[in-house]
Amino acid sequence: MDKRLLFLMNMAQRNMFNHAEKVCEQQLGFTLTQMAAVMFVNNNPGCMQKDVVQGLGLKKSAVTSLLSRIESNGLIRRVVSEDDARVVNLFATEQGKDKSQLALPLIAELNQQLTDGFNEEEIAVIARFLNQVRDRF
């Protein structure tokens, strides 16, 4: 068994992301990252761009173009704050809310594919390991 964890995690992430990206585009018509952003905005109505940056762990410049794309696709809308014109709040449109709901079974299916063949104890160890890696770095 290969125990090069950094290599294995990199390859697993790449393969999983490519598969999920393909499935998202086929079933929902937008990318995995776009889906994540729409779901984040839907779950955090009125959030700001910096919240999306932090919540998704992306660079500010990447989020700027990402939000522009999903806004032009009609999935979110930007609203200038009445209290401070420098603040722009993000909201999911009805179409964005609908897409978020359509994504839930897809996410459940992808998670099921990831956990097939593992029992609950093994899944708990994997989750603990991944959370520890995320928090450590």
N, C-alpha and C. Protein backbone atom coordinates (compact mmCIF):
# COMPACT_ATOMS: atom_id res chain seq x y z
N MET A 1 0.85 -1.18 0.00
CA MET A 1 0.00 0.00 0.00
C MET A 1 0.90 1.25 0.00
N ASP A 2 0.59 2.16 -0.89
CA ASP A 2 1.32 3.42 -1.00
C ASP A 2 1.01 4.27 0.23
N LYS A 3 2.04 4.74 0.93
CA LYS A 3 1.84 5.55 2.13
C LYS A 3 2.35 6.97 1.97
N ARG A 4 2.53 7.42 0.73
CA ARG A 4 2.95 8.80 0.48
C ARG A 4 1.71 9.69 0.58
N LEU A 5 1.40 10.10 1.79
CA LEU A 5 0.14 10.77 2.07
C LEU A 5 -0.04 12.06 1.29
N LEU A 6 0.99 12.89 1.19
CA LEU A 6 0.86 14.14 0.46
C LEU A 6 0.52 13.87 -1.01
N PHE A 7 1.24 12.93 -1.60
CA PHE A 7 0.97 12.56 -2.99
C PHE A 7 -0.43 11.99 -3.15
N LEU A 8 -0.80 11.07 -2.27
CA LEU A 8 -2.12 10.43 -2.36
C LEU A 8 -3.25 11.44 -2.17
N MET A 9 -3.08 12.36 -1.21
CA MET A 9 -4.12 13.36 -1.00
C MET A 9 -4.25 14.27 -2.21
N ASN A 10 -3.12 14.64 -2.80
CA ASN A 10 -3.15 15.49 -3.98
C ASN A 10 -3.84 14.78 -5.14
N MET A 11 -3.50 13.55 -5.39
CA MET A 11 -4.11 12.80 -6.49
C MET A 11 -5.59 12.54 -6.23
N ALA A 12 -5.92 12.19 -4.99
CA ALA A 12 -7.32 11.93 -4.64
C ALA A 12 -8.15 13.20 -4.81
N GLN A 13 -7.62 14.34 -4.34
CA GLN A 13 -8.35 15.61 -4.47
C GLN A 13 -8.55 15.95 -5.94
N ARG A 14 -7.52 15.78 -6.73
CA ARG A 14 -7.61 16.10 -8.16
C ARG A 14 -8.63 15.21 -8.86
N ASN A 15 -8.56 13.91 -8.60
CA ASN A 15 -9.51 12.98 -9.24
C ASN A 15 -10.95 13.25 -8.78
N MET A 16 -11.12 13.47 -7.48
CA MET A 16 -12.45 13.72 -6.94
C MET A 16 -13.01 15.03 -7.50
N PHE A 17 -12.19 16.09 -7.54
CA PHE A 17 -12.64 17.38 -8.05
C PHE A 17 -13.03 17.27 -9.52
N ASN A 18 -12.20 16.61 -10.32
CA ASN A 18 -12.50 16.46 -11.75
C ASN A 18 -13.81 15.69 -11.96
N HIS A 19 -14.01 14.65 -11.18
CA HIS A 19 -15.26 13.88 -11.29
C HIS A 19 -16.46 14.73 -10.88
N ALA A 20 -16.35 15.40 -9.74
CA ALA A 20 -17.46 16.22 -9.24
C ALA A 20 -17.74 17.38 -10.20
N GLU A 21 -16.69 17.95 -10.77
CA GLU A 21 -16.85 19.06 -11.73
C GLU A 21 -17.65 18.59 -12.95
N LYS A 22 -17.30 17.43 -13.45
CA LYS A 22 -17.98 16.86 -14.62
C LYS A 22 -19.45 16.59 -14.31
N VAL A 23 -19.70 15.99 -13.17
CA VAL A 23 -21.08 15.67 -12.77
C VAL A 23 -21.89 16.95 -12.58
N CYS A 24 -21.31 17.96 -11.93
CA CYS A 24 -22.01 19.23 -11.71
C CYS A 24 -22.39 19.88 -13.03
N GLU A 25 -21.42 19.95 -13.93
CA GLU A 25 -21.70 20.60 -15.21
C GLU A 25 -22.76 19.84 -15.99
N GLN A 26 -22.72 18.51 -15.95
CA GLN A 26 -23.70 17.71 -16.68
C GLN A 26 -25.10 17.84 -16.08
N GLN A 27 -25.18 17.79 -14.75
CA GLN A 27 -26.49 17.74 -14.11
C GLN A 27 -27.06 19.11 -13.75
N LEU A 28 -26.19 20.09 -13.48
CA LEU A 28 -26.68 21.40 -13.02
C LEU A 28 -26.40 22.53 -14.00
N GLY A 29 -25.43 22.32 -14.89
CA GLY A 29 -25.12 23.35 -15.87
C GLY A 29 -24.15 24.41 -15.38
N PHE A 30 -23.51 24.19 -14.24
CA PHE A 30 -22.47 25.10 -13.79
C PHE A 30 -21.41 24.34 -13.01
N THR A 31 -20.27 25.00 -12.78
CA THR A 31 -19.12 24.31 -12.20
C THR A 31 -19.30 24.06 -10.71
N LEU A 32 -18.45 23.19 -10.19
CA LEU A 32 -18.45 22.87 -8.77
C LEU A 32 -18.18 24.11 -7.92
N THR A 33 -17.23 24.93 -8.34
CA THR A 33 -16.91 26.15 -7.59
C THR A 33 -18.07 27.14 -7.64
N GLN A 34 -18.72 27.26 -8.80
CA GLN A 34 -19.89 28.12 -8.90
C GLN A 34 -21.00 27.61 -7.98
N MET A 35 -21.19 26.28 -7.96
CA MET A 35 -22.21 25.70 -7.10
C MET A 35 -21.90 26.01 -5.64
N ALA A 36 -20.64 25.86 -5.24
CA ALA A 36 -20.25 26.14 -3.86
C ALA A 36 -20.52 27.60 -3.50
N ALA A 37 -20.21 28.51 -4.42
CA ALA A 37 -20.43 29.94 -4.16
C ALA A 37 -21.92 30.26 -4.04
N VAL A 38 -22.72 29.71 -4.94
CA VAL A 38 -24.16 29.96 -4.89
C VAL A 38 -24.74 29.40 -3.60
N MET A 39 -24.31 28.20 -3.22
CA MET A 39 -24.81 27.60 -1.98
C MET A 39 -24.37 28.42 -0.77
N PHE A 40 -23.14 28.92 -0.78
CA PHE A 40 -22.66 29.75 0.33
C PHE A 40 -23.51 31.00 0.45
N VAL A 41 -23.73 31.68 -0.66
CA VAL A 41 -24.55 32.91 -0.65
C VAL A 41 -25.97 32.59 -0.22
N ASN A 42 -26.52 31.49 -0.73
CA ASN A 42 -27.88 31.10 -0.35
C ASN A 42 -27.98 30.82 1.14
N ASN A 43 -26.96 30.20 1.71
CA ASN A 43 -26.98 29.86 3.14
C ASN A 43 -26.58 31.02 4.04
N ASN A 44 -26.05 32.09 3.42
CA ASN A 44 -25.61 33.27 4.18
C ASN A 44 -26.14 34.54 3.51
N PRO A 45 -27.47 34.72 3.48
CA PRO A 45 -28.03 35.87 2.79
C PRO A 45 -27.48 37.19 3.33
N GLY A 46 -27.11 38.07 2.41
CA GLY A 46 -26.57 39.36 2.80
C GLY A 46 -25.08 39.34 3.06
N CYS A 47 -24.43 38.21 2.83
CA CYS A 47 -22.98 38.15 3.06
C CYS A 47 -22.27 39.08 2.08
N MET A 48 -21.00 39.30 2.35
CA MET A 48 -20.19 40.13 1.48
C MET A 48 -19.14 39.27 0.79
N GLN A 49 -18.47 39.87 -0.20
CA GLN A 49 -17.46 39.14 -0.96
C GLN A 49 -16.39 38.56 -0.03
N LYS A 50 -15.97 39.31 0.97
CA LYS A 50 -14.93 38.82 1.87
C LYS A 50 -15.38 37.57 2.62
N ASP A 51 -16.69 37.45 2.86
CA ASP A 51 -17.22 36.26 3.52
C ASP A 51 -17.09 35.04 2.60
N VAL A 52 -17.34 35.26 1.32
CA VAL A 52 -17.21 34.17 0.35
C VAL A 52 -15.75 33.76 0.24
N VAL A 53 -14.84 34.73 0.22
CA VAL A 53 -13.41 34.44 0.18
C VAL A 53 -13.04 33.53 1.34
N GLN A 54 -13.44 33.93 2.53
CA GLN A 54 -13.10 33.18 3.74
C GLN A 54 -13.83 31.83 3.78
N GLY A 55 -15.11 31.84 3.44
CA GLY A 55 -15.91 30.62 3.53
C GLY A 55 -15.49 29.53 2.56
N LEU A 56 -15.03 29.93 1.37
CA LEU A 56 -14.64 28.94 0.36
C LEU A 56 -13.13 28.75 0.28
N GLY A 57 -12.38 29.60 0.99
CA GLY A 57 -10.92 29.46 0.97
C GLY A 57 -10.30 29.79 -0.38
N LEU A 58 -10.89 30.77 -1.07
CA LEU A 58 -10.38 31.18 -2.38
C LEU A 58 -9.72 32.54 -2.29
N LYS A 59 -8.96 32.90 -3.31
CA LYS A 59 -8.34 34.21 -3.36
C LYS A 59 -9.38 35.26 -3.75
N LYS A 60 -9.15 36.48 -3.26
CA LYS A 60 -10.10 37.57 -3.52
C LYS A 60 -10.31 37.78 -5.02
N SER A 61 -9.23 37.76 -5.80
CA SER A 61 -9.36 37.99 -7.24
C SER A 61 -10.18 36.89 -7.90
N ALA A 62 -10.02 35.66 -7.43
CA ALA A 62 -10.80 34.54 -7.99
C ALA A 62 -12.28 34.70 -7.65
N VAL A 63 -12.57 35.15 -6.44
CA VAL A 63 -13.96 35.32 -6.02
C VAL A 63 -14.62 36.47 -6.77
N THR A 64 -13.87 37.52 -7.06
CA THR A 64 -14.42 38.64 -7.81
C THR A 64 -14.96 38.17 -9.15
N SER A 65 -14.15 37.43 -9.90
CA SER A 65 -14.62 36.95 -11.21
C SER A 65 -15.68 35.85 -11.06
N LEU A 66 -15.55 35.03 -10.04
CA LEU A 66 -16.54 33.98 -9.79
C LEU A 66 -17.92 34.59 -9.54
N LEU A 67 -17.97 35.60 -8.67
CA LEU A 67 -19.24 36.25 -8.36
C LEU A 67 -19.81 36.96 -9.59
N SER A 68 -18.95 37.54 -10.39
CA SER A 68 -19.43 38.19 -11.63
C SER A 68 -20.07 37.16 -12.56
N ARG A 69 -19.45 35.99 -12.68
CA ARG A 69 -20.01 34.94 -13.55
C ARG A 69 -21.36 34.45 -13.05
N ILE A 70 -21.44 34.17 -11.75
CA ILE A 70 -22.72 33.63 -11.27
C ILE A 70 -23.79 34.71 -11.22
N GLU A 71 -23.38 35.96 -11.08
CA GLU A 71 -24.36 37.06 -11.17
C GLU A 71 -24.87 37.18 -12.60
N SER A 72 -23.97 37.11 -13.58
CA SER A 72 -24.41 37.22 -14.98
C SER A 72 -25.24 36.02 -15.40
N ASN A 73 -25.08 34.90 -14.71
CA ASN A 73 -25.92 33.72 -14.97
C ASN A 73 -27.25 33.76 -14.22
N GLY A 74 -27.46 34.84 -13.47
CA GLY A 74 -28.74 35.02 -12.78
C GLY A 74 -28.90 34.23 -11.50
N LEU A 75 -27.78 33.80 -10.88
CA LEU A 75 -27.86 32.95 -9.70
C LEU A 75 -27.75 33.74 -8.39
N ILE A 76 -27.10 34.90 -8.46
CA ILE A 76 -27.02 35.78 -7.29
C ILE A 76 -27.28 37.21 -7.74
N ARG A 77 -27.53 38.07 -6.76
CA ARG A 77 -27.64 39.51 -7.05
C ARG A 77 -26.86 40.25 -5.98
N ARG A 78 -26.34 41.39 -6.38
CA ARG A 78 -25.60 42.26 -5.47
C ARG A 78 -26.49 43.44 -5.11
N VAL A 79 -26.51 43.77 -3.83
CA VAL A 79 -27.33 44.89 -3.35
C VAL A 79 -26.44 45.81 -2.53
N VAL A 80 -26.38 47.08 -2.93
CA VAL A 80 -25.60 48.06 -2.18
C VAL A 80 -26.34 48.35 -0.88
N SER A 81 -25.59 48.35 0.21
CA SER A 81 -26.17 48.58 1.54
C SER A 81 -26.76 49.99 1.62
N GLU A 82 -27.92 50.09 2.24
CA GLU A 82 -28.53 51.40 2.46
C GLU A 82 -27.77 52.19 3.52
N ASP A 83 -27.10 51.48 4.43
CA ASP A 83 -26.38 52.13 5.52
C ASP A 83 -25.00 52.62 5.10
N ASP A 84 -24.36 51.90 4.16
CA ASP A 84 -23.00 52.24 3.76
C ASP A 84 -22.84 51.88 2.29
N ALA A 85 -22.73 52.86 1.43
CA ALA A 85 -22.67 52.64 -0.02
C ALA A 85 -21.43 51.87 -0.44
N ARG A 86 -20.44 51.75 0.45
CA ARG A 86 -19.24 50.97 0.13
C ARG A 86 -19.46 49.48 0.30
N VAL A 87 -20.54 49.12 0.98
CA VAL A 87 -20.81 47.71 1.29
C VAL A 87 -21.79 47.14 0.27
N VAL A 88 -21.42 45.99 -0.28
CA VAL A 88 -22.30 45.29 -1.23
C VAL A 88 -22.64 43.94 -0.62
N ASN A 89 -23.93 43.69 -0.45
CA ASN A 89 -24.40 42.42 0.10
C ASN A 89 -24.83 41.50 -1.04
N LEU A 90 -24.64 40.21 -0.82
CA LEU A 90 -24.95 39.20 -1.83
C LEU A 90 -26.16 38.39 -1.41
N PHE A 91 -27.03 38.12 -2.39
CA PHE A 91 -28.22 37.33 -2.15
C PHE A 91 -28.42 36.35 -3.31
N ALA A 92 -28.88 35.18 -3.01
CA ALA A 92 -29.22 34.22 -4.06
C ALA A 92 -30.54 34.66 -4.69
N THR A 93 -30.61 34.56 -6.02
CA THR A 93 -31.88 34.81 -6.71
C THR A 93 -32.76 33.57 -6.56
N GLU A 94 -33.98 33.65 -7.04
CA GLU A 94 -34.85 32.45 -7.00
C GLU A 94 -34.21 31.31 -7.78
N GLN A 95 -33.61 31.65 -8.92
CA GLN A 95 -32.93 30.62 -9.71
C GLN A 95 -31.75 30.04 -8.92
N GLY A 96 -31.01 30.88 -8.23
CA GLY A 96 -29.90 30.41 -7.41
C GLY A 96 -30.36 29.53 -6.27
N LYS A 97 -31.48 29.91 -5.65
CA LYS A 97 -32.05 29.09 -4.57
C LYS A 97 -32.49 27.73 -5.11
N ASP A 98 -33.11 27.74 -6.29
CA ASP A 98 -33.53 26.48 -6.91
C ASP A 98 -32.34 25.59 -7.23
N LYS A 99 -31.29 26.18 -7.80
CA LYS A 99 -30.08 25.40 -8.13
C LYS A 99 -29.44 24.84 -6.87
N SER A 100 -29.45 25.62 -5.79
CA SER A 100 -28.90 25.13 -4.52
C SER A 100 -29.65 23.91 -4.04
N GLN A 101 -30.96 23.94 -4.17
CA GLN A 101 -31.77 22.78 -3.76
C GLN A 101 -31.52 21.58 -4.66
N LEU A 102 -31.34 21.83 -5.96
CA LEU A 102 -31.05 20.74 -6.89
C LEU A 102 -29.68 20.13 -6.62
N ALA A 103 -28.78 20.91 -6.06
CA ALA A 103 -27.42 20.43 -5.79
C ALA A 103 -27.36 19.49 -4.59
N LEU A 104 -28.31 19.60 -3.67
CA LEU A 104 -28.24 18.81 -2.44
C LEU A 104 -28.21 17.30 -2.68
N PRO A 105 -29.10 16.76 -3.53
CA PRO A 105 -29.02 15.31 -3.77
C PRO A 105 -27.73 14.92 -4.50
N LEU A 106 -27.23 15.81 -5.33
CA LEU A 106 -25.98 15.55 -6.03
C LEU A 106 -24.83 15.46 -5.03
N ILE A 107 -24.78 16.37 -4.09
CA ILE A 107 -23.75 16.35 -3.05
C ILE A 107 -23.87 15.08 -2.22
N ALA A 108 -25.09 14.71 -1.87
CA ALA A 108 -25.29 13.49 -1.10
C ALA A 108 -24.80 12.27 -1.88
N GLU A 109 -25.08 12.24 -3.17
CA GLU A 109 -24.63 11.13 -4.02
C GLU A 109 -23.11 11.07 -4.09
N LEU A 110 -22.47 12.23 -4.26
CA LEU A 110 -21.00 12.26 -4.32
C LEU A 110 -20.39 11.84 -2.99
N ASN A 111 -20.98 12.29 -1.87
CA ASN A 111 -20.49 11.86 -0.56
C ASN A 111 -20.68 10.36 -0.37
N GLN A 112 -21.77 9.82 -0.88
CA GLN A 112 -22.00 8.39 -0.78
C GLN A 112 -20.96 7.61 -1.57
N GLN A 113 -20.62 8.11 -2.75
CA GLN A 113 -19.58 7.47 -3.55
C GLN A 113 -18.24 7.47 -2.81
N LEU A 114 -17.97 8.56 -2.09
CA LEU A 114 -16.72 8.64 -1.33
C LEU A 114 -16.67 7.65 -0.17
N THR A 115 -17.81 7.39 0.43
CA THR A 115 -17.82 6.55 1.63
C THR A 115 -18.20 5.10 1.38
N ASP A 116 -18.59 4.77 0.15
CA ASP A 116 -18.91 3.38 -0.16
C ASP A 116 -17.72 2.48 0.18
N GLY A 117 -18.00 1.38 0.87
CA GLY A 117 -16.96 0.42 1.22
C GLY A 117 -16.31 0.68 2.56
N PHE A 118 -16.73 1.74 3.25
CA PHE A 118 -16.18 2.06 4.57
C PHE A 118 -17.30 2.00 5.60
N ASN A 119 -16.97 1.49 6.79
CA ASN A 119 -17.97 1.48 7.86
C ASN A 119 -17.91 2.82 8.61
N GLU A 120 -18.82 3.03 9.53
CA GLU A 120 -18.93 4.31 10.24
C GLU A 120 -17.66 4.66 11.01
N GLU A 121 -17.03 3.66 11.62
CA GLU A 121 -15.80 3.91 12.37
C GLU A 121 -14.69 4.37 11.44
N GLU A 122 -14.57 3.75 10.28
CA GLU A 122 -13.55 4.14 9.31
C GLU A 122 -13.81 5.55 8.78
N ILE A 123 -15.07 5.85 8.52
CA ILE A 123 -15.43 7.18 8.04
C ILE A 123 -15.09 8.23 9.09
N ALA A 124 -15.32 7.91 10.36
CA ALA A 124 -15.00 8.84 11.45
C ALA A 124 -13.50 9.10 11.51
N VAL A 125 -12.68 8.08 11.30
CA VAL A 125 -11.22 8.25 11.30
C VAL A 125 -10.80 9.13 10.12
N ILE A 126 -11.36 8.85 8.94
CA ILE A 126 -11.04 9.64 7.75
C ILE A 126 -11.43 11.11 7.98
N ALA A 127 -12.63 11.32 8.51
CA ALA A 127 -13.10 12.69 8.77
C ALA A 127 -12.20 13.39 9.78
N ARG A 128 -11.81 12.67 10.81
CA ARG A 128 -10.93 13.25 11.83
C ARG A 128 -9.58 13.62 11.20
N PHE A 129 -9.04 12.75 10.38
CA PHE A 129 -7.77 13.01 9.71
C PHE A 129 -7.89 14.25 8.80
N LEU A 130 -8.93 14.30 7.97
CA LEU A 130 -9.09 15.42 7.04
C LEU A 130 -9.31 16.74 7.78
N ASN A 131 -10.08 16.71 8.85
CA ASN A 131 -10.29 17.92 9.66
C ASN A 131 -8.98 18.37 10.30
N GLN A 132 -8.19 17.42 10.76
CA GLN A 132 -6.91 17.74 11.38
C GLN A 132 -5.96 18.37 10.34
N VAL A 133 -5.92 17.81 9.15
CA VAL A 133 -5.09 18.38 8.09
C VAL A 133 -5.55 19.79 7.75
N ARG A 134 -6.87 19.96 7.59
CA ARG A 134 -7.42 21.29 7.28
C ARG A 134 -7.06 22.30 8.35
N ASP A 135 -7.20 21.92 9.61
CA ASP A 135 -6.94 22.85 10.70
C ASP A 135 -5.44 23.12 10.91
N ARG A 136 -4.62 22.14 10.61
CA ARG A 136 -3.18 22.27 10.84
C ARG A 136 -2.51 23.19 9.83
N PHE A 137 -3.01 23.18 8.61
CA PHE A 137 -2.37 23.95 7.56
C PHE A 137 -3.28 25.07 7.11
